[in-house]
Amino acid sequence: YLKQMLPAAGIDRSRLDGIAPEEV
């Protein structure tokens, strides 16, 4: 668990290399 939430829209999905964000 994170101490502070992060906006999902701000996550750089290209760094996930094809992995669905819901897996990470």
PDB file of all heavy atoms in Angstrom:
ATOM      1  N   TYR A   1       0.823  -1.206   0.000  1.00  0.00           N
ATOM      2  CA  TYR A   1       0.000   0.000   0.000  1.00  0.00           C
ATOM      3  C   TYR A   1       0.858   1.258   0.000  1.00  0.00           C
ATOM      4  O   TYR A   1       1.850   1.342   0.723  1.00  0.00           O
ATOM      5  CB  TYR A   1      -0.951  -0.011   1.200  1.00  0.00           C
ATOM      6  CG  TYR A   1      -1.916  -1.158   1.118  1.00  0.00           C
ATOM      7  CD1 TYR A   1      -1.654  -2.361   1.756  1.00  0.00           C
ATOM      8  CD2 TYR A   1      -3.062  -1.051   0.351  1.00  0.00           C
ATOM      9  CE1 TYR A   1      -2.525  -3.435   1.644  1.00  0.00           C
ATOM     10  CE2 TYR A   1      -3.938  -2.117   0.242  1.00  0.00           C
ATOM     11  CZ  TYR A   1      -3.662  -3.304   0.890  1.00  0.00           C
ATOM     12  OH  TYR A   1      -4.520  -4.366   0.769  1.00  0.00           O
ATOM     13  N   LEU A   2       0.462   2.217  -0.808  1.00  0.00           N
ATOM     14  CA  LEU A   2       1.164   3.492  -0.900  1.00  0.00           C
ATOM     15  C   LEU A   2       0.713   4.427   0.218  1.00  0.00           C
ATOM     16  O   LEU A   2      -0.450   4.384   0.633  1.00  0.00           O
ATOM     17  CB  LEU A   2       0.869   4.158  -2.253  1.00  0.00           C
ATOM     18  CG  LEU A   2       1.227   3.348  -3.501  1.00  0.00           C
ATOM     19  CD1 LEU A   2       0.782   4.096  -4.755  1.00  0.00           C
ATOM     20  CD2 LEU A   2       2.716   3.059  -3.540  1.00  0.00           C
ATOM     21  N   LYS A   3       1.600   5.275   0.671  1.00  0.00           N
ATOM     22  CA  LYS A   3       1.243   6.275   1.695  1.00  0.00           C
ATOM     23  C   LYS A   3       0.335   7.346   1.113  1.00  0.00           C
ATOM     24  O   LYS A   3      -0.502   7.901   1.804  1.00  0.00           O
ATOM     25  CB  LYS A   3       2.500   6.925   2.290  1.00  0.00           C
ATOM     26  CG  LYS A   3       3.338   5.963   3.086  1.00  0.00           C
ATOM     27  CD  LYS A   3       2.620   5.544   4.338  1.00  0.00           C
ATOM     28  CE  LYS A   3       3.490   4.585   5.142  1.00  0.00           C
ATOM     29  NZ  LYS A   3       2.767   3.909   6.172  1.00  0.00           N
ATOM     30  N   GLN A   4       0.515   7.639  -0.181  1.00  0.00           N
ATOM     31  CA  GLN A   4      -0.333   8.606  -0.869  1.00  0.00           C
ATOM     32  C   GLN A   4      -0.804   7.997  -2.172  1.00  0.00           C
ATOM     33  O   GLN A   4      -0.035   7.330  -2.866  1.00  0.00           O
ATOM     34  CB  GLN A   4       0.432   9.884  -1.193  1.00  0.00           C
ATOM     35  CG  GLN A   4       0.694  10.757  -0.014  1.00  0.00           C
ATOM     36  CD  GLN A   4       1.261  12.080  -0.490  1.00  0.00           C
ATOM     37  OE1 GLN A   4       2.280  12.120  -1.149  1.00  0.00           O
ATOM     38  NE2 GLN A   4       0.570  13.154  -0.148  1.00  0.00           N
ATOM     39  N   MET A   5      -2.056   8.238  -2.496  1.00  0.00           N
ATOM     40  CA  MET A   5      -2.578   7.754  -3.769  1.00  0.00           C
ATOM     41  C   MET A   5      -1.976   8.569  -4.911  1.00  0.00           C
ATOM     42  O   MET A   5      -1.625   9.738  -4.734  1.00  0.00           O
ATOM     43  CB  MET A   5      -4.100   7.872  -3.798  1.00  0.00           C
ATOM     44  CG  MET A   5      -4.783   6.956  -2.826  1.00  0.00           C
ATOM     45  SD  MET A   5      -6.588   6.981  -3.005  1.00  0.00           S
ATOM     46  CE  MET A   5      -6.975   8.556  -2.266  1.00  0.00           C
ATOM     47  N   LEU A   6      -1.876   7.926  -6.070  1.00  0.00           N
ATOM     48  CA  LEU A   6      -1.383   8.581  -7.281  1.00  0.00           C
ATOM     49  C   LEU A   6      -2.473   8.546  -8.335  1.00  0.00           C
ATOM     50  O   LEU A   6      -3.139   7.511  -8.493  1.00  0.00           O
ATOM     51  CB  LEU A   6      -0.162   7.836  -7.831  1.00  0.00           C
ATOM     52  CG  LEU A   6       1.030   7.670  -6.901  1.00  0.00           C
ATOM     53  CD1 LEU A   6       2.040   6.725  -7.520  1.00  0.00           C
ATOM     54  CD2 LEU A   6       1.640   9.027  -6.624  1.00  0.00           C
ATOM     55  N   PRO A   7      -2.666   9.615  -9.086  1.00  0.00           N
ATOM     56  CA  PRO A   7      -3.668   9.578 -10.156  1.00  0.00           C
ATOM     57  C   PRO A   7      -3.299   8.517 -11.191  1.00  0.00           C
ATOM     58  O   PRO A   7      -2.164   8.491 -11.690  1.00  0.00           O
ATOM     59  CB  PRO A   7      -3.614  10.980 -10.768  1.00  0.00           C
ATOM     60  CG  PRO A   7      -2.876  11.824  -9.784  1.00  0.00           C
ATOM     61  CD  PRO A   7      -1.999  10.914  -8.987  1.00  0.00           C
ATOM     62  N   ALA A   8      -4.208   7.623 -11.484  1.00  0.00           N
ATOM     63  CA  ALA A   8      -3.940   6.569 -12.475  1.00  0.00           C
ATOM     64  C   ALA A   8      -3.598   7.189 -13.825  1.00  0.00           C
ATOM     65  O   ALA A   8      -2.738   6.667 -14.548  1.00  0.00           O
ATOM     66  CB  ALA A   8      -5.147   5.641 -12.595  1.00  0.00           C
ATOM     67  N   ALA A   9      -4.226   8.296 -14.153  1.00  0.00           N
ATOM     68  CA  ALA A   9      -3.977   8.948 -15.441  1.00  0.00           C
ATOM     69  C   ALA A   9      -2.534   9.432 -15.564  1.00  0.00           C
ATOM     70  O   ALA A   9      -2.034   9.601 -16.673  1.00  0.00           O
ATOM     71  CB  ALA A   9      -4.941  10.117 -15.634  1.00  0.00           C
ATOM     72  N   GLY A  10      -1.849   9.621 -14.455  1.00  0.00           N
ATOM     73  CA  GLY A  10      -0.474  10.106 -14.480  1.00  0.00           C
ATOM     74  C   GLY A  10       0.573   9.017 -14.611  1.00  0.00           C
ATOM     75  O   GLY A  10       1.764   9.303 -14.725  1.00  0.00           O
ATOM     76  N   ILE A  11       0.154   7.763 -14.598  1.00  0.00           N
ATOM     77  CA  ILE A  11       1.097   6.640 -14.714  1.00  0.00           C
ATOM     78  C   ILE A  11       1.486   6.465 -16.177  1.00  0.00           C
ATOM     79  O   ILE A  11       0.619   6.392 -17.053  1.00  0.00           O
ATOM     80  CB  ILE A  11       0.477   5.330 -14.173  1.00  0.00           C
ATOM     81  CG1 ILE A  11       0.037   5.490 -12.720  1.00  0.00           C
ATOM     82  CG2 ILE A  11       1.415   4.154 -14.373  1.00  0.00           C
ATOM     83  CD1 ILE A  11       1.145   5.634 -11.717  1.00  0.00           C
ATOM     84  N   ASP A  12       2.771   6.369 -16.439  1.00  0.00           N
ATOM     85  CA  ASP A  12       3.273   6.161 -17.801  1.00  0.00           C
ATOM     86  C   ASP A  12       3.125   4.681 -18.154  1.00  0.00           C
ATOM     87  O   ASP A  12       3.969   3.857 -17.803  1.00  0.00           O
ATOM     88  CB  ASP A  12       4.735   6.598 -17.898  1.00  0.00           C
ATOM     89  CG  ASP A  12       5.314   6.430 -19.287  1.00  0.00           C
ATOM     90  OD1 ASP A  12       4.591   6.008 -20.218  1.00  0.00           O
ATOM     91  OD2 ASP A  12       6.529   6.718 -19.443  1.00  0.00           O
ATOM     92  N   ARG A  13       2.046   4.366 -18.845  1.00  0.00           N
ATOM     93  CA  ARG A  13       1.742   2.972 -19.187  1.00  0.00           C
ATOM     94  C   ARG A  13       2.746   2.377 -20.155  1.00  0.00           C
ATOM     95  O   ARG A  13       2.903   1.153 -20.210  1.00  0.00           O
ATOM     96  CB  ARG A  13       0.336   2.880 -19.754  1.00  0.00           C
ATOM     97  CG  ARG A  13      -0.702   3.222 -18.687  1.00  0.00           C
ATOM     98  CD  ARG A  13      -2.077   3.242 -19.230  1.00  0.00           C
ATOM     99  NE  ARG A  13      -2.468   1.913 -19.643  1.00  0.00           N
ATOM    100  CZ  ARG A  13      -3.693   1.551 -19.914  1.00  0.00           C
ATOM    101  NH1 ARG A  13      -4.668   2.418 -19.813  1.00  0.00           N
ATOM    102  NH2 ARG A  13      -3.968   0.333 -20.299  1.00  0.00           N
ATOM    103  N   SER A  14       3.451   3.195 -20.918  1.00  0.00           N
ATOM    104  CA  SER A  14       4.432   2.662 -21.867  1.00  0.00           C
ATOM    105  C   SER A  14       5.558   1.929 -21.138  1.00  0.00           C
ATOM    106  O   SER A  14       6.181   1.033 -21.693  1.00  0.00           O
ATOM    107  CB  SER A  14       5.000   3.775 -22.746  1.00  0.00           C
ATOM    108  OG  SER A  14       5.825   4.650 -21.993  1.00  0.00           O
ATOM    109  N   ARG A  15       5.777   2.260 -19.896  1.00  0.00           N
ATOM    110  CA  ARG A  15       6.832   1.604 -19.108  1.00  0.00           C
ATOM    111  C   ARG A  15       6.413   0.210 -18.636  1.00  0.00           C
ATOM    112  O   ARG A  15       7.232  -0.539 -18.119  1.00  0.00           O
ATOM    113  CB  ARG A  15       7.202   2.474 -17.933  1.00  0.00           C
ATOM    114  CG  ARG A  15       7.753   3.837 -18.418  1.00  0.00           C
ATOM    115  CD  ARG A  15       8.268   4.630 -17.310  1.00  0.00           C
ATOM    116  NE  ARG A  15       9.481   3.966 -16.843  1.00  0.00           N
ATOM    117  CZ  ARG A  15      10.266   4.448 -15.919  1.00  0.00           C
ATOM    118  NH1 ARG A  15       9.966   5.593 -15.360  1.00  0.00           N
ATOM    119  NH2 ARG A  15      11.340   3.801 -15.525  1.00  0.00           N
ATOM    120  N   LEU A  16       5.143  -0.124 -18.813  1.00  0.00           N
ATOM    121  CA  LEU A  16       4.659  -1.441 -18.394  1.00  0.00           C
ATOM    122  C   LEU A  16       4.946  -2.519 -19.427  1.00  0.00           C
ATOM    123  O   LEU A  16       4.683  -3.694 -19.187  1.00  0.00           O
ATOM    124  CB  LEU A  16       3.159  -1.384 -18.089  1.00  0.00           C
ATOM    125  CG  LEU A  16       2.760  -0.487 -16.925  1.00  0.00           C
ATOM    126  CD1 LEU A  16       1.251  -0.465 -16.778  1.00  0.00           C
ATOM    127  CD2 LEU A  16       3.431  -0.939 -15.647  1.00  0.00           C
ATOM    128  N   ASP A  17       5.440  -2.117 -20.583  1.00  0.00           N
ATOM    129  CA  ASP A  17       5.865  -3.051 -21.626  1.00  0.00           C
ATOM    130  C   ASP A  17       4.794  -4.096 -21.963  1.00  0.00           C
ATOM    131  O   ASP A  17       5.048  -5.291 -21.984  1.00  0.00           O
ATOM    132  CB  ASP A  17       7.175  -3.740 -21.208  1.00  0.00           C
ATOM    133  CG  ASP A  17       7.896  -4.384 -22.383  1.00  0.00           C
ATOM    134  OD1 ASP A  17       7.705  -3.923 -23.525  1.00  0.00           O
ATOM    135  OD2 ASP A  17       8.641  -5.359 -22.151  1.00  0.00           O
ATOM    136  N   GLY A  18       3.553  -3.613 -22.162  1.00  0.00           N
ATOM    137  CA  GLY A  18       2.470  -4.494 -22.585  1.00  0.00           C
ATOM    138  C   GLY A  18       1.731  -5.196 -21.455  1.00  0.00           C
ATOM    139  O   GLY A  18       0.769  -5.909 -21.708  1.00  0.00           O
ATOM    140  N   ILE A  19       2.150  -5.019 -20.235  1.00  0.00           N
ATOM    141  CA  ILE A  19       1.462  -5.621 -19.085  1.00  0.00           C
ATOM    142  C   ILE A  19       0.278  -4.731 -18.720  1.00  0.00           C
ATOM    143  O   ILE A  19       0.387  -3.511 -18.690  1.00  0.00           O
ATOM    144  CB  ILE A  19       2.417  -5.753 -17.881  1.00  0.00           C
ATOM    145  CG1 ILE A  19       3.575  -6.681 -18.234  1.00  0.00           C
ATOM    146  CG2 ILE A  19       1.666  -6.248 -16.646  1.00  0.00           C
ATOM    147  CD1 ILE A  19       4.675  -6.697 -17.199  1.00  0.00           C
ATOM    148  N   ALA A  20      -0.859  -5.337 -18.457  1.00  0.00           N
ATOM    149  CA  ALA A  20      -2.041  -4.569 -18.061  1.00  0.00           C
ATOM    150  C   ALA A  20      -1.770  -3.881 -16.723  1.00  0.00           C
ATOM    151  O   ALA A  20      -1.223  -4.500 -15.805  1.00  0.00           O
ATOM    152  CB  ALA A  20      -3.247  -5.488 -17.939  1.00  0.00           C
ATOM    153  N   PRO A  21      -2.147  -2.613 -16.591  1.00  0.00           N
ATOM    154  CA  PRO A  21      -1.901  -1.903 -15.330  1.00  0.00           C
ATOM    155  C   PRO A  21      -2.539  -2.595 -14.126  1.00  0.00           C
ATOM    156  O   PRO A  21      -2.002  -2.543 -13.022  1.00  0.00           O
ATOM    157  CB  PRO A  21      -2.523  -0.520 -15.545  1.00  0.00           C
ATOM    158  CG  PRO A  21      -2.872  -0.420 -16.968  1.00  0.00           C
ATOM    159  CD  PRO A  21      -2.804  -1.779 -17.580  1.00  0.00           C
ATOM    160  N   GLU A  22      -3.661  -3.272 -14.333  1.00  0.00           N
ATOM    161  CA  GLU A  22      -4.347  -3.962 -13.226  1.00  0.00           C
ATOM    162  C   GLU A  22      -3.558  -5.170 -12.715  1.00  0.00           C
ATOM    163  O   GLU A  22      -3.885  -5.720 -11.668  1.00  0.00           O
ATOM    164  CB  GLU A  22      -5.743  -4.399 -13.651  1.00  0.00           C
ATOM    165  CG  GLU A  22      -6.690  -3.249 -13.891  1.00  0.00           C
ATOM    166  CD  GLU A  22      -6.649  -2.688 -15.312  1.00  0.00           C
ATOM    167  OE1 GLU A  22      -5.789  -3.117 -16.118  1.00  0.00           O
ATOM    168  OE2 GLU A  22      -7.466  -1.822 -15.627  1.00  0.00           O
ATOM    169  N   GLU A  23      -2.521  -5.595 -13.442  1.00  0.00           N
ATOM    170  CA  GLU A  23      -1.635  -6.663 -12.956  1.00  0.00           C
ATOM    171  C   GLU A  23      -0.566  -6.111 -12.025  1.00  0.00           C
ATOM    172  O   GLU A  23       0.043  -6.864 -11.268  1.00  0.00           O
ATOM    173  CB  GLU A  23      -0.949  -7.367 -14.124  1.00  0.00           C
ATOM    174  CG  GLU A  23      -1.891  -8.180 -14.992  1.00  0.00           C
ATOM    175  CD  GLU A  23      -1.153  -8.882 -16.113  1.00  0.00           C
ATOM    176  OE1 GLU A  23      -0.473  -9.896 -15.815  1.00  0.00           O
ATOM    177  OE2 GLU A  23      -1.264  -8.441 -17.267  1.00  0.00           O
ATOM    178  N   VAL A  24      -0.329  -4.812 -12.092  1.00  0.00           N
ATOM    179  CA  VAL A  24       0.763  -4.177 -11.369  1.00  0.00           C
ATOM    180  C   VAL A  24       0.275  -3.262 -10.250  1.00  0.00           C
ATOM    181  O   VAL A  24       0.932  -3.117  -9.229  1.00  0.00           O
ATOM    182  CB  VAL A  24       1.633  -3.356 -12.362  1.00  0.00           C
ATOM    183  CG1 VAL A  24       2.789  -2.671 -11.663  1.00  0.00           C
ATOM    184  CG2 VAL A  24       2.120  -4.237 -13.502  1.00  0.00           C
TER     185      VAL A  24
END
